[in-house]
């Protein structure tokens, strides 16, 4: 089987932490990445759920920007904001 190189950029602290994890589990980074790739190919999906955080939804960001604008303009105090009902 022919081998190919895969180059990935990631945060240096994350790389160090991942290398430490791999060492603690008795494998190296290459083995761990190969396990991940084989699992994705076999299952035809990522081995974890990926979903958007609803906090960062477009509607919520607009609501937060409006609230900040209202506070800055004096139309709402922080106390009123804390007492407002969630819609």
Protein backbone atom coordinates (compact mmCIF):
# COMPACT_ATOMS: atom_id res chain seq x y z
CA UNK A 1 0.00 0.00 0.00
CA UNK A 2 1.44 3.36 -1.03
CA UNK A 3 1.91 5.94 1.70
CA UNK A 4 1.07 9.64 1.41
CA UNK A 5 1.90 12.60 3.62
CA UNK A 6 -0.78 14.73 5.26
CA UNK A 7 0.17 18.16 6.57
CA UNK A 8 -2.11 19.90 9.06
CA UNK A 9 -1.83 23.31 10.71
CA UNK A 10 -2.98 23.59 14.30
CA UNK A 11 -2.30 25.57 17.43
CA UNK A 12 1.06 24.59 18.96
CA UNK A 13 -0.48 24.08 22.41
CA UNK A 14 -3.15 21.79 20.89
CA UNK A 15 -0.42 19.83 19.09
CA UNK A 16 1.51 19.36 22.32
CA UNK A 17 -1.61 18.30 24.23
CA UNK A 18 -2.57 15.86 21.47
CA UNK A 19 0.93 14.37 21.41
CA UNK A 20 0.77 13.95 25.20
CA UNK A 21 -2.63 12.26 24.94
CA UNK A 22 -1.37 9.89 22.25
CA UNK A 23 1.70 9.02 24.32
CA UNK A 24 -0.47 8.30 27.38
CA UNK A 25 -2.62 5.93 25.34
CA UNK A 26 0.36 4.09 23.89
CA UNK A 27 0.24 5.41 20.34
CA UNK A 28 1.77 8.17 18.31
CA UNK A 29 0.06 11.00 16.43
CA UNK A 30 0.29 9.16 13.11
CA UNK A 31 -1.56 6.13 14.51
CA UNK A 32 -4.26 8.33 16.05
CA UNK A 33 -4.81 10.26 12.81
CA UNK A 34 -4.92 7.01 10.82
CA UNK A 35 -7.53 5.63 13.25
CA UNK A 36 -9.60 8.78 12.79
CA UNK A 37 -9.37 8.61 8.97
CA UNK A 38 -10.23 4.89 8.86
CA UNK A 39 -13.25 5.47 11.13
CA UNK A 40 -14.52 8.33 8.95
CA UNK A 41 -14.13 6.23 5.79
CA UNK A 42 -15.77 3.17 7.33
CA UNK A 43 -18.71 5.02 8.93
CA UNK A 44 -19.01 7.73 6.24
CA UNK A 45 -19.38 10.34 8.97
CA UNK A 46 -17.29 12.11 11.54
CA UNK A 47 -17.04 10.16 14.80
CA UNK A 48 -18.54 13.05 16.76
CA UNK A 49 -21.49 15.40 16.38
CA UNK A 50 -20.92 18.83 14.88
CA UNK A 51 -23.59 21.41 15.46
CA UNK A 52 -23.80 25.14 15.58
CA UNK A 53 -24.06 26.85 18.94
CA UNK A 54 -27.50 28.56 18.90
CA UNK A 55 -25.98 31.46 20.83
CA UNK A 56 -24.18 32.50 17.65
CA UNK A 57 -27.25 32.24 15.40
CA UNK A 58 -27.97 35.22 13.16
CA UNK A 59 -31.23 35.97 15.01
CA UNK A 60 -29.56 35.95 18.42
CA UNK A 61 -26.65 38.10 17.25
CA UNK A 62 -29.15 40.67 15.91
CA UNK A 63 -31.05 40.59 19.20
CA UNK A 64 -27.85 41.10 21.20
CA UNK A 65 -26.70 43.97 18.96
CA UNK A 66 -30.10 45.66 19.35
CA UNK A 67 -29.97 45.25 23.14
CA UNK A 68 -26.47 46.75 23.24
CA UNK A 69 -27.63 49.61 21.04
CA UNK A 70 -30.67 50.19 23.29
CA UNK A 71 -28.46 50.23 26.40
CA UNK A 72 -25.95 52.58 24.75
CA UNK A 73 -28.79 54.91 23.69
CA UNK A 74 -30.33 54.86 27.19
CA UNK A 75 -33.53 53.15 26.00
CA UNK A 76 -32.94 50.21 28.33
CA UNK A 77 -31.03 49.78 31.54
CA UNK A 78 -29.08 46.69 32.43
CA UNK A 79 -31.66 45.90 35.10
CA UNK A 80 -34.49 45.90 32.54
CA UNK A 81 -32.42 43.65 30.32
CA UNK A 82 -31.96 41.14 33.13
CA UNK A 83 -35.69 41.15 33.91
CA UNK A 84 -36.85 40.71 30.29
CA UNK A 85 -38.66 37.50 29.37
CA UNK A 86 -37.01 35.12 26.94
CA UNK A 87 -38.97 34.83 23.71
